[in-house]
C-alpha atoms as a PDB file:
ATOM      1  CA  UNK A   1     -23.499  90.396  25.824  1.00  0.00           C
ATOM      2  CA  UNK A   2     -21.843  93.494  24.354  1.00  0.00           C
ATOM      3  CA  UNK A   3     -21.525  96.325  26.838  1.00  0.00           C
ATOM      4  CA  UNK A   4     -23.519  99.467  25.959  1.00  0.00           C
ATOM      5  CA  UNK A   5     -23.523 103.010  27.352  1.00  0.00           C
ATOM      6  CA  UNK A   6     -26.567 105.209  28.156  1.00  0.00           C
ATOM      7  CA  UNK A   7     -26.697 106.312  24.484  1.00  0.00           C
ATOM      8  CA  UNK A   8     -26.787 102.636  23.418  1.00  0.00           C
ATOM      9  CA  UNK A   9     -23.269 102.862  22.006  1.00  0.00           C
ATOM     10  CA  UNK A  10     -21.574  99.446  22.125  1.00  0.00           C
ATOM     11  CA  UNK A  11     -18.033  98.797  23.277  1.00  0.00           C
ATOM     12  CA  UNK A  12     -16.349  97.601  20.085  1.00  0.00           C
ATOM     13  CA  UNK A  13     -12.833  99.090  19.893  1.00  0.00           C
ATOM     14  CA  UNK A  14      -9.981  99.085  22.403  1.00  0.00           C
ATOM     15  CA  UNK A  15      -7.007 101.382  21.895  1.00  0.00           C
ATOM     16  CA  UNK A  16      -4.031 100.530  24.082  1.00  0.00           C
ATOM     17  CA  UNK A  17      -1.270 103.055  24.731  1.00  0.00           C
ATOM     18  CA  UNK A  18       1.820 100.981  25.457  1.00  0.00           C
ATOM     19  CA  UNK A  19       4.084 103.945  26.282  1.00  0.00           C
ATOM     20  CA  UNK A  20       3.829 107.684  26.795  1.00  0.00           C
ATOM     21  CA  UNK A  21       7.218 108.211  25.125  1.00  0.00           C
ATOM     22  CA  UNK A  22       7.800 109.246  21.535  1.00  0.00           C
ATOM     23  CA  UNK A  23      10.815 109.952  19.353  1.00  0.00           C
ATOM     24  CA  UNK A  24       8.961 112.721  17.447  1.00  0.00           C
ATOM     25  CA  UNK A  25       7.722 116.049  18.774  1.00  0.00           C
ATOM     26  CA  UNK A  26       4.727 116.756  16.562  1.00  0.00           C
ATOM     27  CA  UNK A  27       3.349 120.228  17.131  1.00  0.00           C
ATOM     28  CA  UNK A  28      -0.266 119.059  17.425  1.00  0.00           C
ATOM     29  CA  UNK A  29       0.560 116.413  20.029  1.00  0.00           C
ATOM     30  CA  UNK A  30       3.892 116.823  21.870  1.00  0.00           C
ATOM     31  CA  UNK A  31       5.335 120.255  21.031  1.00  0.00           C
ATOM     32  CA  UNK A  32       9.087 120.320  21.666  1.00  0.00           C
ATOM     33  CA  UNK A  33       8.902 123.544  23.635  1.00  0.00           C
ATOM     34  CA  UNK A  34       7.011 121.652  26.347  1.00  0.00           C
ATOM     35  CA  UNK A  35       8.227 118.073  25.929  1.00  0.00           C
ATOM     36  CA  UNK A  36      11.941 118.780  25.917  1.00  0.00           C
ATOM     37  CA  UNK A  37      14.886 116.704  27.049  1.00  0.00           C
ATOM     38  CA  UNK A  38      14.100 117.323  30.714  1.00  0.00           C
ATOM     39  CA  UNK A  39      10.440 116.309  30.498  1.00  0.00           C
ATOM     40  CA  UNK A  40       9.603 113.548  32.969  1.00  0.00           C
ATOM     41  CA  UNK A  41       7.704 110.666  31.403  1.00  0.00           C
ATOM     42  CA  UNK A  42       6.201 107.788  33.370  1.00  0.00           C
ATOM     43  CA  UNK A  43       8.715 105.704  35.328  1.00  0.00           C
ATOM     44  CA  UNK A  44       8.809 102.043  34.357  1.00  0.00           C
ATOM     45  CA  UNK A  45       7.177 100.976  37.615  1.00  0.00           C
ATOM     46  CA  UNK A  46       4.031 102.901  36.755  1.00  0.00           C
ATOM     47  CA  UNK A  47       3.659 101.499  33.241  1.00  0.00           C
ATOM     48  CA  UNK A  48       1.576  98.365  32.806  1.00  0.00           C
ATOM     49  CA  UNK A  49       3.494  95.174  32.122  1.00  0.00           C
ATOM     50  CA  UNK A  50       2.643  93.083  29.072  1.00  0.00           C
ATOM     51  CA  UNK A  51       0.936  90.560  31.348  1.00  0.00           C
ATOM     52  CA  UNK A  52      -1.192  93.297  32.920  1.00  0.00           C
ATOM     53  CA  UNK A  53      -2.147  94.744  29.540  1.00  0.00           C
ATOM     54  CA  UNK A  54      -3.102  91.315  28.244  1.00  0.00           C
ATOM     55  CA  UNK A  55      -5.183  90.525  31.287  1.00  0.00           C
ATOM     56  CA  UNK A  56      -7.111  93.801  31.018  1.00  0.00           C
ATOM     57  CA  UNK A  57      -7.500  93.420  27.258  1.00  0.00           C
ATOM     58  CA  UNK A  58      -8.906  89.932  27.793  1.00  0.00           C
ATOM     59  CA  UNK A  59     -11.553  91.278  30.155  1.00  0.00           C
ATOM     60  CA  UNK A  60     -12.452  94.144  27.816  1.00  0.00           C
ATOM     61  CA  UNK A  61     -12.729  91.862  24.787  1.00  0.00           C
ATOM     62  CA  UNK A  62     -15.098  89.619  26.713  1.00  0.00           C
ATOM     63  CA  UNK A  63     -17.276  92.702  27.169  1.00  0.00           C
ATOM     64  CA  UNK A  64     -17.518  93.251  23.424  1.00  0.00           C
ATOM     65  CA  UNK A  65     -14.328  94.773  22.040  1.00  0.00           C
ATOM     66  CA  UNK A  66     -13.369  92.986  18.823  1.00  0.00           C
ATOM     67  CA  UNK A  67     -10.747  95.436  17.539  1.00  0.00           C
ATOM     68  CA  UNK A  68      -7.490  96.240  19.340  1.00  0.00           C
ATOM     69  CA  UNK A  69      -5.138  99.000  18.234  1.00  0.00           C
ATOM     70  CA  UNK A  70      -1.742  99.592  19.847  1.00  0.00           C
ATOM     71  CA  UNK A  71      -0.742 103.231  20.152  1.00  0.00           C
ATOM     72  CA  UNK A  72       1.484 105.470  22.248  1.00  0.00           C
ATOM     73  CA  UNK A  73       3.323 107.764  22.345  1.00  0.00           C
ATOM     74  CA  UNK A  74       5.188 105.798  19.735  1.00  0.00           C
ATOM     75  CA  UNK A  75       4.413 102.123  20.401  1.00  0.00           C
ATOM     76  CA  UNK A  76       7.570 100.840  18.734  1.00  0.00           C
ATOM     77  CA  UNK A  77       9.596 102.579  21.445  1.00  0.00           C
ATOM     78  CA  UNK A  78       8.284 100.005  23.918  1.00  0.00           C
ATOM     79  CA  UNK A  79      10.963  97.328  24.127  1.00  0.00           C
ATOM     80  CA  UNK A  80       9.922  93.940  22.758  1.00  0.00           C
ATOM     81  CA  UNK A  81       6.465  95.208  21.828  1.00  0.00           C
ATOM     82  CA  UNK A  82       6.184  92.237  19.457  1.00  0.00           C
ATOM     83  CA  UNK A  83       5.949  90.023  22.557  1.00  0.00           C
ATOM     84  CA  UNK A  84       2.834  91.927  23.601  1.00  0.00           C
ATOM     85  CA  UNK A  85       1.451  91.560  20.078  1.00  0.00           C
ATOM     86  CA  UNK A  86       1.803  87.771  20.291  1.00  0.00           C
ATOM     87  CA  UNK A  87       0.050  87.734  23.664  1.00  0.00           C
ATOM     88  CA  UNK A  88      -2.857  89.844  22.403  1.00  0.00           C
ATOM     89  CA  UNK A  89      -3.113  87.850  19.175  1.00  0.00           C
ATOM     90  CA  UNK A  90      -3.798  84.755  21.282  1.00  0.00           C
ATOM     91  CA  UNK A  91      -6.890  86.277  22.939  1.00  0.00           C
ATOM     92  CA  UNK A  92     -10.273  84.886  21.959  1.00  0.00           C
ATOM     93  CA  UNK A  93     -12.637  87.248  20.173  1.00  0.00           C
ATOM     94  CA  UNK A  94     -10.098  89.657  18.678  1.00  0.00           C
ATOM     95  CA  UNK A  95     -10.999  90.095  15.000  1.00  0.00           C
ATOM     96  CA  UNK A  96      -8.560  92.895  14.214  1.00  0.00           C
ATOM     97  CA  UNK A  97      -5.176  93.611  15.806  1.00  0.00           C
ATOM     98  CA  UNK A  98      -3.410  96.669  14.473  1.00  0.00           C
ATOM     99  CA  UNK A  99      -0.876  99.341  15.386  1.00  0.00           C
ATOM    100  CA  UNK A 100      -0.408 103.043  14.662  1.00  0.00           C
ATOM    101  CA  UNK A 101       3.187 104.240  14.338  1.00  0.00           C
ATOM    102  CA  UNK A 102       5.210 107.136  13.002  1.00  0.00           C
ATOM    103  CA  UNK A 103       7.050 104.521  10.952  1.00  0.00           C
ATOM    104  CA  UNK A 104      10.586 105.462  11.938  1.00  0.00           C
ATOM    105  CA  UNK A 105      11.349 102.136  13.630  1.00  0.00           C
ATOM    106  CA  UNK A 106       9.365  99.924  11.248  1.00  0.00           C
ATOM    107  CA  UNK A 107      12.391  98.788   9.218  1.00  0.00           C
ATOM    108  CA  UNK A 108      13.711  97.122  12.378  1.00  0.00           C
ATOM    109  CA  UNK A 109      10.373  95.886  13.684  1.00  0.00           C
ATOM    110  CA  UNK A 110       8.091  95.044  10.733  1.00  0.00           C
ATOM    111  CA  UNK A 111       9.027  91.376  10.370  1.00  0.00           C
ATOM    112  CA  UNK A 112       8.876  90.676  14.105  1.00  0.00           C
ATOM    113  CA  UNK A 113       5.457  92.336  14.342  1.00  0.00           C
ATOM    114  CA  UNK A 114       4.128  90.350  11.396  1.00  0.00           C
ATOM    115  CA  UNK A 115       5.482  87.100  12.804  1.00  0.00           C
ATOM    116  CA  UNK A 116       3.894  87.877  16.179  1.00  0.00           C
ATOM    117  CA  UNK A 117       0.424  88.141  14.669  1.00  0.00           C
ATOM    118  CA  UNK A 118      -0.097  91.844  13.993  1.00  0.00           C
ATOM    119  CA  UNK A 119      -2.616  92.133  11.163  1.00  0.00           C
ATOM    120  CA  UNK A 120      -2.327  95.739  10.006  1.00  0.00           C
ATOM    121  CA  UNK A 121      -0.320  98.939  10.453  1.00  0.00           C
ATOM    122  CA  UNK A 122      -1.239 102.584  10.107  1.00  0.00           C
ATOM    123  CA  UNK A 123       1.619 105.026   9.560  1.00  0.00           C
ATOM    124  CA  UNK A 124       1.447 108.727  10.416  1.00  0.00           C
ATOM    125  CA  UNK A 125       2.938 111.030   7.778  1.00  0.00           C
ATOM    126  CA  UNK A 126       1.720 114.623   7.585  1.00  0.00           C
ATOM    127  CA  UNK A 127       3.471 115.752   4.412  1.00  0.00           C
ATOM    128  CA  UNK A 128       5.836 114.609   1.673  1.00  0.00           C
ATOM    129  CA  UNK A 129       7.471 118.038   1.718  1.00  0.00           C
ATOM    130  CA  UNK A 130      10.698 117.666   3.704  1.00  0.00           C
ATOM    131  CA  UNK A 131      10.663 121.130   5.280  1.00  0.00           C
ATOM    132  CA  UNK A 132       6.977 120.950   6.169  1.00  0.00           C
ATOM    133  CA  UNK A 133       7.273 117.477   7.649  1.00  0.00           C
ATOM    134  CA  UNK A 134      10.273 118.417   9.769  1.00  0.00           C
ATOM    135  CA  UNK A 135       8.464 121.536  10.964  1.00  0.00           C
ATOM    136  CA  UNK A 136       5.516 119.410  12.069  1.00  0.00           C
ATOM    137  CA  UNK A 137       7.515 116.660  13.806  1.00  0.00           C
ATOM    138  CA  UNK A 138       9.918 118.891  15.703  1.00  0.00           C
ATOM    139  CA  UNK A 139      12.736 118.230  13.218  1.00  0.00           C
ATOM    140  CA  UNK A 140      13.103 114.663  14.477  1.00  0.00           C
ATOM    141  CA  UNK A 141      13.062 112.833  11.135  1.00  0.00           C
ATOM    142  CA  UNK A 142      12.841 113.295   7.391  1.00  0.00           C
ATOM    143  CA  UNK A 143      10.252 112.001   4.966  1.00  0.00           C
ATOM    144  CA  UNK A 144      12.494 109.250   3.609  1.00  0.00           C
ATOM    145  CA  UNK A 145      12.813 107.626   7.025  1.00  0.00           C
ATOM    146  CA  UNK A 146       9.041 107.199   7.216  1.00  0.00           C
ATOM    147  CA  UNK A 147       8.753 106.045   3.603  1.00  0.00           C
ATOM    148  CA  UNK A 148      11.349 103.374   4.389  1.00  0.00           C
ATOM    149  CA  UNK A 149       9.127 102.243   7.242  1.00  0.00           C
ATOM    150  CA  UNK A 150       6.139 101.984   4.903  1.00  0.00           C
ATOM    151  CA  UNK A 151       8.262 100.042   2.422  1.00  0.00           C
ATOM    152  CA  UNK A 152       9.336  97.649   5.166  1.00  0.00           C
ATOM    153  CA  UNK A 153       5.696  97.064   6.098  1.00  0.00           C
ATOM    154  CA  UNK A 154       4.922  96.300   2.445  1.00  0.00           C
ATOM    155  CA  UNK A 155       7.826  93.880   2.141  1.00  0.00           C
ATOM    156  CA  UNK A 156       6.721  91.725   5.069  1.00  0.00           C
ATOM    157  CA  UNK A 157       3.155  91.541   3.744  1.00  0.00           C
ATOM    158  CA  UNK A 158       1.090  94.003   5.751  1.00  0.00           C
ATOM    159  CA  UNK A 159      -2.025  94.782   3.725  1.00  0.00           C
ATOM    160  CA  UNK A 160      -3.759  97.141   3.748  1.00  0.00           C
ATOM    161  CA  UNK A 161      -1.406  99.861   4.945  1.00  0.00           C
ATOM    162  CA  UNK A 162      -3.119 103.103   5.893  1.00  0.00           C
ATOM    163  CA  UNK A 163      -1.457 106.505   6.101  1.00  0.00           C
ATOM    164  CA  UNK A 164      -2.703 109.176   8.518  1.00  0.00           C
ATOM    165  CA  UNK A 165      -2.107 112.885   7.907  1.00  0.00           C
ATOM    166  CA  UNK A 166      -3.214 115.648  10.275  1.00  0.00           C
ATOM    167  CA  UNK A 167      -4.165 118.718   8.240  1.00  0.00           C
ATOM    168  CA  UNK A 168      -3.414 122.192   9.564  1.00  0.00           C
ATOM    169  CA  UNK A 169      -4.234 125.308   7.556  1.00  0.00           C
ATOM    170  CA  UNK A 170      -1.210 127.370   6.653  1.00  0.00           C
ATOM    171  CA  UNK A 171       1.131 124.558   7.627  1.00  0.00           C
ATOM    172  CA  UNK A 172       0.669 121.514   5.378  1.00  0.00           C
ATOM    173  CA  UNK A 173      -2.666 121.954   3.619  1.00  0.00           C
ATOM    174  CA  UNK A 174      -0.937 123.004   0.398  1.00  0.00           C
ATOM    175  CA  UNK A 175       0.586 119.514   0.147  1.00  0.00           C
ATOM    176  CA  UNK A 176      -2.663 117.498   0.306  1.00  0.00           C
ATOM    177  CA  UNK A 177      -3.102 116.800  -3.386  1.00  0.00           C
ATOM    178  CA  UNK A 178       0.524 115.725  -3.727  1.00  0.00           C
ATOM    179  CA  UNK A 179       0.032 113.296  -0.824  1.00  0.00           C
ATOM    180  CA  UNK A 180      -3.173 111.915  -2.318  1.00  0.00           C
ATOM    181  CA  UNK A 181      -1.591 111.361  -5.721  1.00  0.00           C
ATOM    182  CA  UNK A 182       1.514 109.695  -4.267  1.00  0.00           C
ATOM    183  CA  UNK A 183      -0.376 107.128  -2.190  1.00  0.00           C
ATOM    184  CA  UNK A 184      -3.021 106.565  -4.852  1.00  0.00           C
ATOM    185  CA  UNK A 185      -0.250 105.474  -7.190  1.00  0.00           C
ATOM    186  CA  UNK A 186       1.089 103.077  -4.546  1.00  0.00           C
ATOM    187  CA  UNK A 187      -2.233 101.553  -3.561  1.00  0.00           C
ATOM    188  CA  UNK A 188      -2.362 102.777   0.036  1.00  0.00           C
ATOM    189  CA  UNK A 189      -5.357 104.400   1.714  1.00  0.00           C
ATOM    190  CA  UNK A 190      -4.573 107.932   2.838  1.00  0.00           C
ATOM    191  CA  UNK A 191      -6.685 109.309   5.682  1.00  0.00           C
ATOM    192  CA  UNK A 192      -6.760 113.007   6.395  1.00  0.00           C
ATOM    193  CA  UNK A 193      -7.495 114.072   9.970  1.00  0.00           C
ATOM    194  CA  UNK A 194      -8.978 117.439  10.824  1.00  0.00           C
ATOM    195  CA  UNK A 195      -6.718 119.341  13.234  1.00  0.00           C
ATOM    196  CA  UNK A 196      -8.268 118.764  16.677  1.00  0.00           C
ATOM    197  CA  UNK A 197      -8.240 120.529  20.028  1.00  0.00           C
ATOM    198  CA  UNK A 198      -6.974 117.431  21.772  1.00  0.00           C
ATOM    199  CA  UNK A 199      -5.095 117.945  25.025  1.00  0.00           C
ATOM    200  CA  UNK A 200      -4.225 121.392  26.361  1.00  0.00           C
ATOM    201  CA  UNK A 201      -0.896 122.302  24.811  1.00  0.00           C
ATOM    202  CA  UNK A 202      -1.121 122.369  21.014  1.00  0.00           C
ATOM    203  CA  UNK A 203      -2.379 125.969  20.730  1.00  0.00           C
ATOM    204  CA  UNK A 204      -5.417 124.836  18.720  1.00  0.00           C
ATOM    205  CA  UNK A 205      -7.414 127.449  16.826  1.00  0.00           C
ATOM    206  CA  UNK A 206     -10.571 126.809  14.834  1.00  0.00           C
ATOM    207  CA  UNK A 207      -9.340 128.928  11.943  1.00  0.00           C
ATOM    208  CA  UNK A 208      -6.503 126.430  11.401  1.00  0.00           C
ATOM    209  CA  UNK A 209      -8.946 123.580  10.767  1.00  0.00           C
ATOM    210  CA  UNK A 210      -9.309 122.550   7.125  1.00  0.00           C
ATOM    211  CA  UNK A 211     -12.747 120.960   6.938  1.00  0.00           C
ATOM    212  CA  UNK A 212     -13.436 117.545   5.501  1.00  0.00           C
ATOM    213  CA  UNK A 213     -15.558 119.171   2.797  1.00  0.00           C
ATOM    214  CA  UNK A 214     -12.680 121.403   1.719  1.00  0.00           C
ATOM    215  CA  UNK A 215     -10.194 118.538   1.771  1.00  0.00           C
ATOM    216  CA  UNK A 216     -12.429 116.392  -0.428  1.00  0.00           C
ATOM    217  CA  UNK A 217     -13.144 119.309  -2.774  1.00  0.00           C
ATOM    218  CA  UNK A 218      -9.438 120.021  -3.304  1.00  0.00           C
ATOM    219  CA  UNK A 219      -8.642 116.416  -4.170  1.00  0.00           C
ATOM    220  CA  UNK A 220     -11.800 115.921  -6.214  1.00  0.00           C
ATOM    221  CA  UNK A 221     -10.797 118.873  -8.410  1.00  0.00           C
ATOM    222  CA  UNK A 222      -7.646 116.985  -9.419  1.00  0.00           C
ATOM    223  CA  UNK A 223      -8.712 113.344  -9.068  1.00  0.00           C
ATOM    224  CA  UNK A 224     -12.528 112.879  -9.086  1.00  0.00           C
ATOM    225  CA  UNK A 225     -14.018 111.168  -6.054  1.00  0.00           C
ATOM    226  CA  UNK A 226     -17.325 109.635  -5.042  1.00  0.00           C
ATOM    227  CA  UNK A 227     -18.553 108.788  -1.527  1.00  0.00           C
ATOM    228  CA  UNK A 228     -18.518 105.239  -0.179  1.00  0.00           C
ATOM    229  CA  UNK A 229     -20.579 103.812   2.664  1.00  0.00           C
ATOM    230  CA  UNK A 230     -18.834 103.186   5.981  1.00  0.00           C
ATOM    231  CA  UNK A 231     -17.778  99.574   6.554  1.00  0.00           C
ATOM    232  CA  UNK A 232     -19.594  99.643   9.902  1.00  0.00           C
ATOM    233  CA  UNK A 233     -21.572 102.223  11.854  1.00  0.00           C
ATOM    234  CA  UNK A 234     -18.783 103.313  14.211  1.00  0.00           C
ATOM    235  CA  UNK A 235     -16.058 103.606  11.569  1.00  0.00           C
ATOM    236  CA  UNK A 236     -14.533 107.043  12.117  1.00  0.00           C
ATOM    237  CA  UNK A 237     -13.443 107.906   8.579  1.00  0.00           C
ATOM    238  CA  UNK A 238     -15.708 109.284   5.880  1.00  0.00           C
ATOM    239  CA  UNK A 239     -14.748 107.254   2.815  1.00  0.00           C
ATOM    240  CA  UNK A 240     -14.345 108.363  -0.797  1.00  0.00           C
ATOM    241  CA  UNK A 241     -13.117 106.317  -3.739  1.00  0.00           C
ATOM    242  CA  UNK A 242     -11.467 107.528  -6.886  1.00  0.00           C
ATOM    243  CA  UNK A 243     -13.847 107.313  -9.820  1.00  0.00           C
ATOM    244  CA  UNK A 244     -11.114 105.771 -11.972  1.00  0.00           C
ATOM    245  CA  UNK A 245     -10.946 102.800  -9.608  1.00  0.00           C
ATOM    246  CA  UNK A 246      -7.596 103.791  -8.139  1.00  0.00           C
ATOM    247  CA  UNK A 247      -8.384 103.151  -4.487  1.00  0.00           C
ATOM    248  CA  UNK A 248      -9.803 105.512  -1.889  1.00  0.00           C
ATOM    249  CA  UNK A 249      -9.145 108.146   0.754  1.00  0.00           C
ATOM    250  CA  UNK A 250     -10.692 108.728   4.144  1.00  0.00           C
ATOM    251  CA  UNK A 251     -11.348 111.881   6.156  1.00  0.00           C
ATOM    252  CA  UNK A 252     -11.697 111.905   9.935  1.00  0.00           C
ATOM    253  CA  UNK A 253     -13.867 114.943  10.584  1.00  0.00           C
ATOM    254  CA  UNK A 254     -14.058 115.166  14.358  1.00  0.00           C
ATOM    255  CA  UNK A 255     -14.488 118.947  14.263  1.00  0.00           C
ATOM    256  CA  UNK A 256     -16.883 119.663  11.388  1.00  0.00           C
ATOM    257  CA  UNK A 257     -18.776 116.364  11.162  1.00  0.00           C
ATOM    258  CA  UNK A 258     -18.516 114.785  14.621  1.00  0.00           C
ATOM    259  CA  UNK A 259     -19.291 111.104  15.015  1.00  0.00           C
ATOM    260  CA  UNK A 260     -19.834 110.917  18.774  1.00  0.00           C
ATOM    261  CA  UNK A 261     -23.230 109.266  18.284  1.00  0.00           C
ATOM    262  CA  UNK A 262     -21.579 106.111  16.967  1.00  0.00           C
ATOM    263  CA  UNK A 263     -18.354 106.148  19.001  1.00  0.00           C
ATOM    264  CA  UNK A 264     -17.483 102.684  20.286  1.00  0.00           C
ATOM    265  CA  UNK A 265     -13.915 103.266  21.541  1.00  0.00           C
ATOM    266  CA  UNK A 266     -12.378 102.703  24.948  1.00  0.00           C
ATOM    267  CA  UNK A 267      -8.781 103.768  25.572  1.00  0.00           C
ATOM    268  CA  UNK A 268      -6.353 102.152  27.999  1.00  0.00           C
ATOM    269  CA  UNK A 269      -3.465 104.414  28.982  1.00  0.00           C
ATOM    270  CA  UNK A 270       0.091 103.254  29.543  1.00  0.00           C
ATOM    271  CA  UNK A 271      -0.268 103.507  33.312  1.00  0.00           C
ATOM    272  CA  UNK A 272      -3.535 101.580  33.389  1.00  0.00           C
ATOM    273  CA  UNK A 273      -6.476 104.000  33.320  1.00  0.00           C
ATOM    274  CA  UNK A 274      -9.402 103.627  30.947  1.00  0.00           C
ATOM    275  CA  UNK A 275     -10.839 106.648  29.125  1.00  0.00           C
ATOM    276  CA  UNK A 276     -14.149 106.752  27.309  1.00  0.00           C
ATOM    277  CA  UNK A 277     -13.338 109.765  25.107  1.00  0.00           C
ATOM    278  CA  UNK A 278     -10.270 111.200  23.391  1.00  0.00           C
ATOM    279  CA  UNK A 279     -11.171 114.531  24.998  1.00  0.00           C
ATOM    280  CA  UNK A 280     -11.822 113.158  28.497  1.00  0.00           C
ATOM    281  CA  UNK A 281     -10.846 115.104  31.601  1.00  0.00           C
ATOM    282  CA  UNK A 282      -9.900 112.032  33.621  1.00  0.00           C
ATOM    283  CA  UNK A 283      -9.795 108.273  33.441  1.00  0.00           C
ATOM    284  CA  UNK A 284     -10.744 105.357  35.681  1.00  0.00           C
ATOM    285  CA  UNK A 285      -7.817 103.585  37.334  1.00  0.00           C
ATOM    286  CA  UNK A 286      -7.500  99.850  36.749  1.00  0.00           C
ATOM    287  CA  UNK A 287      -3.836  99.452  37.670  1.00  0.00           C
ATOM    288  CA  UNK A 288      -4.492 100.052  41.358  1.00  0.00           C
ATOM    289  CA  UNK A 289      -7.152  97.357  41.741  1.00  0.00           C
ATOM    290  CA  UNK A 290      -5.152  95.038  39.462  1.00  0.00           C
ATOM    291  CA  UNK A 291      -2.013  95.286  41.595  1.00  0.00           C
ATOM    292  CA  UNK A 292      -4.025  95.139  44.818  1.00  0.00           C
ATOM    293  CA  UNK A 293      -5.276  91.668  43.916  1.00  0.00           C
ATOM    294  CA  UNK A 294      -8.669  92.357  42.378  1.00  0.00           C
ATOM    295  CA  UNK A 295     -10.264  89.442  40.560  1.00  0.00           C
ATOM    296  CA  UNK A 296     -11.266  89.558  36.903  1.00  0.00           C
ATOM    297  CA  UNK A 297     -14.887  89.877  38.020  1.00  0.00           C
ATOM    298  CA  UNK A 298     -13.994  92.856  40.225  1.00  0.00           C
ATOM    299  CA  UNK A 299     -12.223  94.588  37.346  1.00  0.00           C
ATOM    300  CA  UNK A 300     -15.065  93.760  34.981  1.00  0.00           C
ATOM    301  CA  UNK A 301     -17.488  95.498  37.319  1.00  0.00           C
ATOM    302  CA  UNK A 302     -15.352  98.666  37.314  1.00  0.00           C
ATOM    303  CA  UNK A 303     -15.285  98.624  33.507  1.00  0.00           C
ATOM    304  CA  UNK A 304     -19.016  97.984  33.293  1.00  0.00           C
ATOM    305  CA  UNK A 305     -19.738 100.855  35.654  1.00  0.00           C
ATOM    306  CA  UNK A 306     -17.420 103.211  33.748  1.00  0.00           C
ATOM    307  CA  UNK A 307     -18.942 102.440  30.343  1.00  0.00           C
ATOM    308  CA  UNK A 308     -22.419 102.354  31.871  1.00  0.00           C
ATOM    309  CA  UNK A 309     -22.048 105.981  32.988  1.00  0.00           C
ATOM    310  CA  UNK A 310     -20.425 107.131  29.737  1.00  0.00           C
ATOM    311  CA  UNK A 311     -22.103 110.267  28.379  1.00  0.00           C
ATOM    312  CA  UNK A 312     -19.131 111.704  26.445  1.00  0.00           C
ATOM    313  CA  UNK A 313     -19.915 113.563  23.237  1.00  0.00           C
ATOM    314  CA  UNK A 314     -17.330 116.316  23.306  1.00  0.00           C
ATOM    315  CA  UNK A 315     -17.108 116.930  19.575  1.00  0.00           C
ATOM    316  CA  UNK A 316     -20.868 117.401  19.313  1.00  0.00           C
ATOM    317  CA  UNK A 317     -20.824 119.817  22.242  1.00  0.00           C
ATOM    318  CA  UNK A 318     -17.584 121.662  21.324  1.00  0.00           C
ATOM    319  CA  UNK A 319     -17.852 125.319  22.389  1.00  0.00           C
ATOM    320  CA  UNK A 320     -15.555 127.989  23.736  1.00  0.00           C
ATOM    321  CA  UNK A 321     -16.405 126.781  27.225  1.00  0.00           C
ATOM    322  CA  UNK A 322     -15.719 123.090  26.614  1.00  0.00           C
ATOM    323  CA  UNK A 323     -12.466 123.896  24.828  1.00  0.00           C
ATOM    324  CA  UNK A 324     -11.184 125.551  28.014  1.00  0.00           C
ATOM    325  CA  UNK A 325     -11.715 122.327  29.958  1.00  0.00           C
ATOM    326  CA  UNK A 326      -8.605 120.387  31.021  1.00  0.00           C
ATOM    327  CA  UNK A 327      -8.246 117.307  28.834  1.00  0.00           C
ATOM    328  CA  UNK A 328      -5.918 114.334  28.823  1.00  0.00           C
ATOM    329  CA  UNK A 329      -3.026 114.750  26.386  1.00  0.00           C
ATOM    330  CA  UNK A 330      -3.209 112.729  23.150  1.00  0.00           C
ATOM    331  CA  UNK A 331       0.254 111.179  23.553  1.00  0.00           C
ATOM    332  CA  UNK A 332      -0.978 109.718  26.846  1.00  0.00           C
ATOM    333  CA  UNK A 333      -3.878 107.714  25.420  1.00  0.00           C
ATOM    334  CA  UNK A 334      -3.147 107.505  21.702  1.00  0.00           C
ATOM    335  CA  UNK A 335      -5.000 109.257  18.885  1.00  0.00           C
END
């Protein structure tokens, strides 16, 4: 039976952070001023092995999760991540196995990931403007490097390919229509993400949020849109299709149109804690019991208890007080 929380929200999605390391320093996630060369990431001994991840994922899928997404940090920085993909692809009950990446390493990894059983990829790209993109990623890569990653994903047969863009007023919002037109022409679904107050270090301000309504209005003025129903109740993106039949866009509106009431996501961090909200203060440790010899039934009970007490609805409750609360950093548990 699918596990449900006190708000009757089912466990449906599992997001697995395979590393806390990243080769970009995006300002809304891992600003370079804080995560510099001397920053101490998790030592290898504290990071879950592929066997440990697969064992935990197997337990969580038996409790109802049918979708698994690999995240980071940057998941392609985890050595031999395609081996983990093959292990997860062999689990019973997994309907969708996907990965979110900044795309930089995709030219080297796309074929191996496809061969291992990965079904889809989502690539993060916040602007096609070279200067803007470099400003947002800490000057770690140019646009062409990411576009080459998307091209590599196309060549090995990943379909659909989704593109994620975080929108920040005064930074990249003037490039939205250009982005929409570019990916419309290439048949990829572009998803805009409202700038969120995730973590504690991205200097988030409400006035820098470009609302979903404004994003849609700007694109609709150039390329007419119409709303589309969600594919399933807990799908995070509001969907809009182009009236000329040229595909669609999505908008993830965590700030202005929160979707906590349908949230079905559990997150497993690289060091083995589960989190029931992107904005959680703390997680529940599974690595300790796992390495201390706990049985699958023991671990299942911990997971059941954690989800059974889940009352998270941060985005619906967002206030000046809640924003001051310490929250786990996004790079630690994925987006």
